[in-house]
Protein backbone atom coordinates (compact mmCIF):
# COMPACT_ATOMS: atom_id res chain seq x y z
CA UNK A 1 -7.36 -4.34 -20.86
CA UNK A 2 -6.58 -0.94 -19.39
CA UNK A 3 -7.38 2.03 -21.57
CA UNK A 4 -6.65 5.71 -21.11
CA UNK A 5 -8.32 8.53 -23.03
CA UNK A 6 -6.68 11.95 -22.88
CA UNK A 7 -8.47 15.20 -23.66
CA UNK A 8 -8.28 18.94 -23.13
CA UNK A 9 -5.39 19.90 -25.36
CA UNK A 10 -5.39 22.79 -27.79
CA UNK A 11 -3.64 25.91 -29.00
CA UNK A 12 -2.78 28.47 -26.36
CA UNK A 13 -0.63 31.58 -26.25
CA UNK A 14 2.51 31.71 -24.11
CA UNK A 15 1.57 32.42 -20.53
CA UNK A 16 -1.83 30.79 -20.95
CA UNK A 17 -3.39 27.80 -19.22
CA UNK A 18 -4.92 24.47 -20.12
CA UNK A 19 -6.41 21.63 -18.11
CA UNK A 20 -5.90 18.12 -19.40
CA UNK A 21 -8.02 15.14 -18.40
CA UNK A 22 -7.31 11.43 -18.58
CA UNK A 23 -10.13 8.96 -18.17
CA UNK A 24 -9.25 5.37 -17.28
CA UNK A 25 -11.29 2.27 -17.88
CA UNK A 26 -10.89 -1.44 -17.43
CA UNK A 27 -9.05 -1.42 -14.16
CA UNK A 28 -9.28 -0.57 -10.49
CA UNK A 29 -8.06 2.97 -11.08
CA UNK A 30 -7.69 4.02 -7.47
CA UNK A 31 -4.90 1.58 -6.62
CA UNK A 32 -2.47 2.86 -9.25
CA UNK A 33 -0.10 5.76 -9.26
CA UNK A 34 -0.77 7.76 -12.40
CA UNK A 35 1.56 9.78 -14.55
CA UNK A 36 1.41 12.39 -17.26
CA UNK A 37 4.01 12.21 -20.01
CA UNK A 38 4.72 14.20 -23.13
CA UNK A 39 6.48 13.78 -26.44
CA UNK A 40 7.62 16.72 -28.49
CA UNK A 41 8.43 16.38 -32.20
CA UNK A 42 11.74 14.65 -32.70
CA UNK A 43 12.16 13.89 -29.00
CA UNK A 44 11.62 10.94 -26.75
CA UNK A 45 8.61 10.72 -24.50
CA UNK A 46 9.34 12.16 -21.07
CA UNK A 47 7.79 12.10 -17.62
CA UNK A 48 5.96 15.29 -16.64
CA UNK A 49 4.08 14.66 -13.39
CA UNK A 50 2.90 11.80 -11.22
CA UNK A 51 0.46 11.20 -8.39
CA UNK A 52 0.23 8.15 -6.17
CA UNK A 53 -2.94 6.49 -4.96
CA UNK A 54 -2.46 8.37 -1.69
CA UNK A 55 -2.09 11.73 -3.41
CA UNK A 56 1.67 12.24 -3.24
CA UNK A 57 2.93 14.13 -6.25
CA UNK A 58 6.16 14.71 -8.07
CA UNK A 59 7.10 16.74 -11.10
CA UNK A 60 9.76 17.11 -13.71
CA UNK A 61 11.97 20.09 -12.95
CA UNK A 62 10.85 21.79 -16.14
CA UNK A 63 7.25 22.07 -14.95
CA UNK A 64 7.58 22.53 -11.20
CA UNK A 65 5.60 25.48 -9.96
CA UNK A 66 3.59 25.69 -13.19
CA UNK A 67 1.80 22.34 -13.51
CA UNK A 68 -0.42 20.60 -10.98
CA UNK A 69 -1.52 16.99 -11.14
CA UNK A 70 -4.63 15.79 -9.36
CA UNK A 71 -6.99 12.84 -9.43
CA UNK A 72 -10.62 12.00 -8.81
CA UNK A 73 -10.89 8.30 -8.01
CA UNK A 74 -14.68 8.40 -8.08
CA UNK A 75 -14.50 9.46 -11.73
CA UNK A 76 -11.48 7.31 -12.66
CA UNK A 77 -9.85 10.49 -13.93
CA UNK A 78 -6.53 12.23 -13.51
CA UNK A 79 -5.98 15.88 -14.39
CA UNK A 80 -3.08 18.11 -15.31
CA UNK A 81 -3.53 21.82 -14.74
CA UNK A 82 -0.96 23.67 -16.79
CA UNK A 83 -0.30 27.34 -16.12
CA UNK A 84 2.27 29.81 -17.43
CA UNK A 85 2.68 27.71 -20.54
CA UNK A 86 5.81 28.11 -22.64
CA UNK A 87 6.50 27.23 -26.27
CA UNK A 88 8.74 24.40 -25.06
CA UNK A 89 5.69 22.77 -23.47
CA UNK A 90 4.40 22.03 -26.97
CA UNK A 91 3.97 18.27 -27.25
CA UNK A 92 1.51 15.42 -27.33
CA UNK A 93 0.54 14.64 -23.75
CA UNK A 94 -0.25 11.13 -22.55
CA UNK A 95 -1.25 9.51 -19.30
CA UNK A 96 -0.56 6.05 -17.99
CA UNK A 97 -0.50 4.05 -14.80
CA UNK A 98 2.83 3.51 -13.08
CA UNK A 99 4.13 -0.03 -12.94
CA UNK A 100 6.04 -0.70 -9.75
CA UNK A 101 7.77 2.28 -8.15
CA UNK A 102 9.31 3.87 -11.22
CA UNK A 103 7.39 6.28 -13.43
CA UNK A 104 9.56 5.16 -16.33
CA UNK A 105 7.66 1.87 -16.31
CA UNK A 106 4.01 2.00 -17.31
CA UNK A 107 1.16 -0.44 -17.09
CA UNK A 108 -0.51 -0.19 -20.45
CA UNK A 109 -0.01 0.66 -24.07
CA UNK A 110 -0.16 4.35 -24.90
CA UNK A 111 -3.37 6.04 -25.94
CA UNK A 112 -3.85 8.68 -28.63
CA UNK A 113 -2.72 11.50 -26.42
CA UNK A 114 -3.82 15.11 -26.64
CA UNK A 115 -1.92 17.79 -28.53
CA UNK A 116 -0.83 20.91 -26.69
CA UNK A 117 0.55 23.73 -28.80
CA UNK A 118 1.89 26.88 -27.19
CA UNK A 119 2.39 29.60 -29.75
CA UNK A 120 1.63 33.25 -30.37
């Protein structure tokens, strides 16, 4: 059973930064593309950023130029560096492994996520 544990969220002022971490267990982490997703109150979960096993990345338009995804296969961990945060980035952030070639399809059930709140 694949499990993902997200951490690093918190309360930050607009313009601030946070670094999220996602630790994976129970699988051969390095072979999977990994994605970060978020769900704001009253909204559907959405794709934020993804990184393939080879390190290719892609981002939602709303976070391009502000967020950076990276991975450390030796630590079975994927990161999301978030800069220039905006109130609209407020959400619970989740990670998951991509199933197939579409980031809309994920490998495992969702974890607890980590809350990010951007507010003054």
